[in-house]
Amino acid sequence: MAQLADVRAAIVAVAGDRASVRSDGNGRIGVVLDGTGLTPSSRDALEASVRTAAALPGVTETRIIVTAERSPRRLIAIASGKGGVGKSTLAANLAIALAKGGRRVGLVDADIYGPSQPRLMNVEGIRPTAQDKRLDPVPTPAGVPLLSMGQLVEAGKALAWRGPMAAGALSQLVDADWGAADTLILDLPPGTGDVQITMIQKHRPAGAVIVSTPQDLALIDARRAIDLFRTANVPIVGLVENMAGYACPQCGTVSDPFGRGGAEAAAAALGIPFLGRVPLTIAIRTASDAGQPPALAADDGVFAPIAAQVADWLASL
């Protein structure tokens, strides 16, 4: 038969360092392929290429084993006790900032009833495909793949779903083919209902980031969200204060229409980390509406420090 070196060279030419080749000396070849990070279709294609490459004179049998050892994928839930506090904007920008820092990040828009991530991530109107009954996340210009119910239903259509249907939809998004992603950011709907409970019970996030505005009413609801995760033994990564101050574009005077420091004081009282403030600025609003999240900017000084703390927390697990 062909020399083992020739067979190994032919296989390495198509599989690189993913292939480990053995021979029993009697024409039978064994190949172990590392399929880490590959989609099912890519793994199948690689296996077929290796089998073709190994078909040299004298090779009577080729046995191929494909492994897919992966590092644990961490889920970080972005939650709030009420709507309108900027949770989706934080989730999108946190995902981008984490990706810029070197993590392989996917974004799940789990806000089933009010999905906004397709607009924020500039992929409105692009529908995901599916293979083997699993959804394929949609690539985005920001480099963070996304799945959202907003990509699967008609724009502007109300989803009049009961809790079990919404929870089932969330599972389809989370259980999609996320490939080599090591971190999933979950933009949860506001509140503490069926979707949140199903996510905690079935998908078990590594931690939760809570978003609140500074005023007392928002903090009351944020405390309820914190209590939900604590009751379920899900660690709280920290609290973010959004809409923390408004700088007048004409005179530069900073005012605090929603108050200031309430979230930081609440974090201290609850014994959880305070991750930082996101200012109330028209630049963040206009960039978000245009599908250009501010975290994409090279000089981002708002979301990058928050992401750095989340990355440090993940690294400590």
Protein backbone atom coordinates (compact mmCIF):
# COMPACT_ATOMS: atom_id res chain seq x y z
CA MET A 1 0.00 0.00 0.00
CA ALA A 2 0.95 3.65 -0.14
CA GLN A 3 3.40 4.80 2.47
CA LEU A 4 1.79 6.09 5.67
CA ALA A 5 3.65 9.37 5.14
CA ASP A 6 1.95 9.79 1.76
CA VAL A 7 -1.49 9.07 3.21
CA ARG A 8 -0.89 11.46 6.11
CA ALA A 9 0.31 14.18 3.72
CA ALA A 10 -2.80 13.80 1.55
CA ILE A 11 -5.11 14.04 4.56
CA VAL A 12 -3.29 16.98 6.16
CA ALA A 13 -3.54 18.81 2.83
CA VAL A 14 -7.33 18.96 3.24
CA ALA A 15 -7.73 18.88 7.04
CA GLY A 16 -4.64 20.61 8.38
CA ASP A 17 -3.91 20.08 12.07
CA ARG A 18 -7.46 18.89 12.68
CA ALA A 19 -6.44 15.38 11.56
CA SER A 20 -4.59 12.65 13.43
CA VAL A 21 -3.74 9.64 11.22
CA ARG A 22 -2.91 6.04 12.20
CA SER A 23 -2.36 2.83 10.20
CA ASP A 24 -2.40 -0.85 11.19
CA GLY A 25 0.05 -1.67 8.38
CA ASN A 26 -2.49 -3.86 6.58
CA GLY A 27 -4.24 -1.25 4.49
CA ARG A 28 -6.59 0.04 7.19
CA ILE A 29 -6.36 3.74 8.09
CA GLY A 30 -7.78 5.42 11.20
CA VAL A 31 -8.36 9.17 11.25
CA VAL A 32 -9.47 11.29 14.19
CA LEU A 33 -10.82 14.69 13.13
CA ASP A 34 -11.23 17.62 15.50
CA GLY A 35 -14.58 19.17 14.57
CA THR A 36 -14.50 21.88 17.20
CA GLY A 37 -16.30 25.02 16.06
CA LEU A 38 -17.58 23.52 12.80
CA THR A 39 -21.24 23.39 11.81
CA PRO A 40 -22.71 19.94 11.13
CA SER A 41 -22.57 20.53 7.38
CA SER A 42 -18.93 21.67 7.58
CA ARG A 43 -18.00 18.60 9.61
CA ASP A 44 -19.68 16.36 7.04
CA ALA A 45 -17.85 18.11 4.20
CA LEU A 46 -14.51 17.79 5.97
CA GLU A 47 -15.08 14.09 6.61
CA ALA A 48 -15.93 13.52 2.96
CA SER A 49 -12.79 15.38 1.83
CA VAL A 50 -10.60 13.33 4.14
CA ARG A 51 -12.15 10.09 2.93
CA THR A 52 -11.43 11.10 -0.68
CA ALA A 53 -7.87 12.13 0.14
CA ALA A 54 -7.21 8.81 1.88
CA ALA A 55 -8.31 6.76 -1.15
CA LEU A 56 -4.77 5.96 -2.29
CA PRO A 57 -3.58 2.66 -3.80
CA GLY A 58 -3.47 -0.06 -1.18
CA VAL A 59 -5.76 1.62 1.34
CA THR A 60 -8.54 -0.93 1.88
CA GLU A 61 -10.49 0.78 4.66
CA THR A 62 -10.66 4.26 6.16
CA ARG A 63 -12.26 4.74 9.55
CA ILE A 64 -12.96 8.31 10.56
CA ILE A 65 -14.00 9.58 14.00
CA VAL A 66 -15.06 13.23 14.32
CA THR A 67 -14.77 14.76 17.77
CA ALA A 68 -16.12 18.13 18.85
CA GLU A 69 -14.75 19.00 22.25
CA ARG A 70 -15.78 22.53 23.09
CA SER A 71 -15.15 24.86 25.96
CA PRO A 72 -18.28 25.53 28.02
CA ARG A 73 -20.59 28.14 26.50
CA ARG A 74 -21.58 30.79 29.00
CA LEU A 75 -24.96 32.49 28.91
CA ILE A 76 -25.26 35.99 30.32
CA ALA A 77 -28.82 37.24 30.83
CA ILE A 78 -29.46 40.97 30.44
CA ALA A 79 -32.54 41.66 32.53
CA SER A 80 -34.66 44.37 34.06
CA GLY A 81 -37.76 44.46 36.17
CA LYS A 82 -39.56 46.80 33.78
CA GLY A 83 -39.44 47.97 30.17
CA GLY A 84 -38.05 51.18 28.77
CA VAL A 85 -34.78 51.21 30.71
CA GLY A 86 -32.48 50.60 27.73
CA LYS A 87 -31.87 46.91 28.29
CA SER A 88 -31.73 46.01 24.58
CA THR A 89 -29.31 48.82 23.78
CA LEU A 90 -27.03 47.65 26.58
CA ALA A 91 -27.27 44.01 25.44
CA ALA A 92 -26.30 44.84 21.84
CA ASN A 93 -23.39 47.07 22.83
CA LEU A 94 -22.17 44.69 25.53
CA ALA A 95 -22.11 41.83 23.00
CA ILE A 96 -20.11 43.95 20.55
CA ALA A 97 -17.68 45.20 23.19
CA LEU A 98 -17.08 41.65 24.46
CA ALA A 99 -16.41 40.49 20.88
CA LYS A 100 -13.96 43.36 20.37
CA GLY A 101 -12.21 42.15 23.52
CA GLY A 102 -11.63 38.70 22.03
CA ARG A 103 -14.60 36.60 23.12
CA ARG A 104 -16.66 34.67 20.54
CA VAL A 105 -20.08 36.13 21.18
CA GLY A 106 -23.61 35.43 19.97
CA LEU A 107 -26.66 37.59 20.70
CA VAL A 108 -30.10 36.15 21.45
CA ASP A 109 -33.02 38.58 21.31
CA ALA A 110 -35.19 36.77 23.85
CA ASP A 111 -37.58 39.71 24.14
CA ILE A 112 -40.22 37.67 22.32
CA TYR A 113 -42.96 40.29 22.43
CA GLY A 114 -40.85 43.34 21.62
CA PRO A 115 -37.79 42.29 19.58
CA SER A 116 -35.58 45.25 18.70
CA GLN A 117 -32.18 43.68 18.06
CA PRO A 118 -32.64 43.35 14.26
CA ARG A 119 -32.86 47.18 14.08
CA LEU A 120 -30.03 47.73 16.54
CA MET A 121 -27.75 45.26 14.71
CA ASN A 122 -28.74 46.46 11.22
CA VAL A 123 -30.15 43.17 9.91
CA GLU A 124 -33.84 44.01 9.56
CA GLY A 125 -35.58 41.88 6.94
CA ILE A 126 -32.92 39.12 6.94
CA ARG A 127 -34.37 35.75 7.91
CA PRO A 128 -32.29 32.95 9.42
CA THR A 129 -31.93 29.60 7.68
CA ALA A 130 -32.08 26.19 9.35
CA GLN A 131 -30.23 22.90 9.07
CA ASP A 132 -31.14 19.65 10.81
CA LYS A 133 -34.06 21.47 12.48
CA ARG A 134 -31.67 23.97 14.11
CA LEU A 135 -31.61 27.66 13.28
CA ASP A 136 -28.46 29.24 11.86
CA PRO A 137 -27.78 32.65 13.44
CA VAL A 138 -27.74 35.64 11.11
CA PRO A 139 -24.33 37.34 10.66
CA THR A 140 -24.35 41.07 11.43
CA PRO A 141 -22.13 43.95 10.30
CA ALA A 142 -20.87 44.19 13.88
CA GLY A 143 -19.45 40.66 13.71
CA VAL A 144 -21.85 39.30 16.34
CA PRO A 145 -24.31 36.66 15.02
CA LEU A 146 -27.92 37.23 16.04
CA LEU A 147 -31.17 35.34 16.42
CA SER A 148 -34.39 37.20 17.17
CA MET A 149 -38.10 36.50 16.92
CA GLY A 150 -38.14 39.75 14.96
CA GLN A 151 -36.39 37.87 12.14
CA LEU A 152 -39.06 35.15 12.04
CA VAL A 153 -42.34 37.08 12.04
CA GLU A 154 -43.79 39.80 9.88
CA ALA A 155 -42.58 43.28 10.85
CA GLY A 156 -45.04 45.07 13.10
CA LYS A 157 -47.11 41.96 13.78
CA ALA A 158 -48.18 41.45 17.38
CA LEU A 159 -47.30 38.10 18.96
CA ALA A 160 -50.37 37.14 20.99
CA TRP A 161 -48.71 34.10 22.53
CA ARG A 162 -49.22 32.57 25.92
CA GLY A 163 -46.24 31.85 28.14
CA PRO A 164 -45.49 28.26 27.03
CA MET A 165 -45.35 29.27 23.34
CA ALA A 166 -43.03 32.17 24.09
CA ALA A 167 -40.81 29.96 26.24
CA GLY A 168 -40.66 27.37 23.45
CA ALA A 169 -39.60 30.05 20.97
CA LEU A 170 -36.83 31.14 23.33
CA SER A 171 -35.51 27.57 23.47
CA GLN A 172 -35.30 27.43 19.67
CA LEU A 173 -33.20 30.59 19.66
CA VAL A 174 -30.84 29.45 22.41
CA ASP A 175 -30.47 25.89 21.06
CA ALA A 176 -29.52 27.11 17.57
CA ASP A 177 -26.22 26.22 15.90
CA TRP A 178 -23.99 28.85 17.51
CA GLY A 179 -20.81 27.20 16.28
CA ALA A 180 -17.70 28.25 18.18
CA ALA A 181 -19.40 30.96 20.26
CA ASP A 182 -18.19 30.80 23.86
CA THR A 183 -20.58 33.47 25.16
CA LEU A 184 -24.27 34.12 24.48
CA ILE A 185 -25.81 37.42 25.50
CA LEU A 186 -29.54 36.99 26.17
CA ASP A 187 -31.65 40.13 25.86
CA LEU A 188 -34.59 39.11 28.06
CA PRO A 189 -38.05 40.67 28.09
CA PRO A 190 -38.82 42.85 31.11
CA GLY A 191 -40.42 41.31 34.16
CA THR A 192 -40.22 38.01 36.00
CA GLY A 193 -42.61 35.75 34.08
CA ASP A 194 -42.70 32.50 32.10
CA VAL A 195 -39.92 33.38 29.65
CA GLN A 196 -37.48 34.26 32.43
CA ILE A 197 -38.36 31.20 34.50
CA THR A 198 -38.01 28.83 31.52
CA MET A 199 -34.67 30.38 30.59
CA ILE A 200 -33.36 29.92 34.13
CA GLN A 201 -34.63 26.36 34.51
CA LYS A 202 -33.73 25.00 31.08
CA HIS A 203 -30.71 27.00 29.96
CA ARG A 204 -29.13 27.97 33.28
CA PRO A 205 -27.30 31.26 32.63
CA ALA A 206 -23.89 31.70 34.17
CA GLY A 207 -24.92 35.11 35.45
CA ALA A 208 -27.22 38.08 35.02
CA VAL A 209 -26.60 41.77 34.37
CA ILE A 210 -29.41 43.96 35.68
CA VAL A 211 -30.25 47.27 33.98
CA SER A 212 -32.06 50.13 35.69
CA THR A 213 -32.55 53.86 35.38
CA PRO A 214 -31.75 55.95 38.46
CA GLN A 215 -35.29 56.75 39.67
CA ASP A 216 -36.86 54.92 42.57
CA LEU A 217 -39.69 53.33 40.57
CA ALA A 218 -37.24 51.62 38.20
CA LEU A 219 -35.07 50.45 41.09
CA ILE A 220 -38.06 48.85 42.80
CA ASP A 221 -38.58 46.66 39.75
CA ALA A 222 -34.85 46.03 39.34
CA ARG A 223 -34.78 44.63 42.86
CA ARG A 224 -37.53 42.17 41.86
CA ALA A 225 -35.42 40.96 38.92
CA ILE A 226 -32.41 40.57 41.21
CA ASP A 227 -34.51 38.59 43.68
CA LEU A 228 -35.69 36.23 40.91
CA PHE A 229 -32.13 35.34 39.90
CA ARG A 230 -30.92 35.08 43.47
CA THR A 231 -33.80 32.76 44.37
CA ALA A 232 -32.77 30.55 41.43
CA ASN A 233 -29.10 30.67 42.53
CA VAL A 234 -28.01 32.52 39.38
CA PRO A 235 -25.15 34.90 40.23
CA ILE A 236 -25.64 38.61 39.65
CA VAL A 237 -22.73 39.93 37.58
CA GLY A 238 -23.66 43.49 38.44
CA LEU A 239 -26.00 46.44 38.00
CA VAL A 240 -25.83 49.07 35.24
CA GLU A 241 -27.36 52.54 35.61
CA ASN A 242 -28.74 53.74 32.27
CA MET A 243 -29.87 57.26 31.32
CA ALA A 244 -27.60 58.52 34.06
CA GLY A 245 -27.22 62.14 32.98
CA TYR A 246 -27.94 64.48 30.10
CA ALA A 247 -25.36 66.90 28.72
CA CYS A 248 -26.93 69.82 26.88
CA PRO A 249 -25.47 69.87 23.34
CA GLN A 250 -25.70 73.70 23.31
CA CYS A 251 -24.20 74.75 26.63
CA GLY A 252 -22.66 71.53 27.98
CA THR A 253 -24.54 71.72 31.26
CA VAL A 254 -25.21 68.27 32.73
CA SER A 255 -28.62 67.65 34.24
CA ASP A 256 -30.13 64.52 35.76
CA PRO A 257 -33.80 64.27 34.74
CA PHE A 258 -34.06 60.74 36.17
CA GLY A 259 -31.84 61.40 39.16
CA ARG A 260 -28.29 60.16 39.68
CA GLY A 261 -26.60 57.52 41.73
CA GLY A 262 -29.70 55.57 42.67
CA ALA A 263 -28.52 52.37 40.98
CA GLU A 264 -25.05 52.62 42.50
CA ALA A 265 -26.54 53.08 45.96
CA ALA A 266 -28.92 50.17 45.37
CA ALA A 267 -26.03 47.95 44.26
CA ALA A 268 -24.12 48.79 47.43
CA ALA A 269 -27.18 48.09 49.58
CA LEU A 270 -27.78 44.76 47.85
CA GLY A 271 -24.13 43.73 47.96
CA ILE A 272 -23.66 43.39 44.19
CA PRO A 273 -21.11 45.04 41.89
CA PHE A 274 -21.94 48.34 40.22
CA LEU A 275 -20.74 48.04 36.62
CA GLY A 276 -21.09 51.65 35.51
CA ARG A 277 -23.31 54.32 34.00
CA VAL A 278 -24.60 54.87 30.48
CA PRO A 279 -25.40 58.55 29.86
CA LEU A 280 -28.59 59.85 28.30
CA THR A 281 -27.24 61.22 25.02
CA ILE A 282 -28.73 61.82 21.62
CA ALA A 283 -25.61 60.26 20.04
CA ILE A 284 -26.41 56.85 21.54
CA ARG A 285 -30.04 57.14 20.47
CA THR A 286 -29.36 58.17 16.88
CA ALA A 287 -26.57 55.62 16.40
CA SER A 288 -28.78 52.85 17.76
CA ASP A 289 -31.72 53.81 15.55
CA ALA A 290 -29.37 53.79 12.56
CA GLY A 291 -28.08 50.27 13.32
CA GLN A 292 -24.63 51.56 14.29
CA PRO A 293 -24.18 50.62 17.97
CA PRO A 294 -21.78 53.02 19.72
CA ALA A 295 -19.63 50.14 20.96
CA LEU A 296 -18.36 49.78 17.37
CA ALA A 297 -16.48 53.09 17.69
CA ALA A 298 -12.75 52.85 18.33
CA ASP A 299 -13.05 55.51 21.05
CA ASP A 300 -16.00 53.90 22.89
CA GLY A 301 -15.57 54.86 26.51
CA VAL A 302 -19.04 53.89 27.74
CA PHE A 303 -19.63 50.24 26.97
CA ALA A 304 -16.03 48.97 26.81
CA PRO A 305 -15.42 49.47 30.57
CA ILE A 306 -18.65 47.62 31.40
CA ALA A 307 -17.70 44.78 29.03
CA ALA A 308 -14.24 44.57 30.57
CA GLN A 309 -15.76 43.91 33.99
CA VAL A 310 -18.11 41.26 32.56
CA ALA A 311 -15.15 39.63 30.75
CA ASP A 312 -13.15 39.57 34.00
CA TRP A 313 -16.13 37.97 35.75
CA LEU A 314 -16.39 35.31 33.04
CA ALA A 315 -12.67 34.63 33.20
CA SER A 316 -12.96 33.94 36.91
CA LEU A 317 -15.43 31.05 36.44
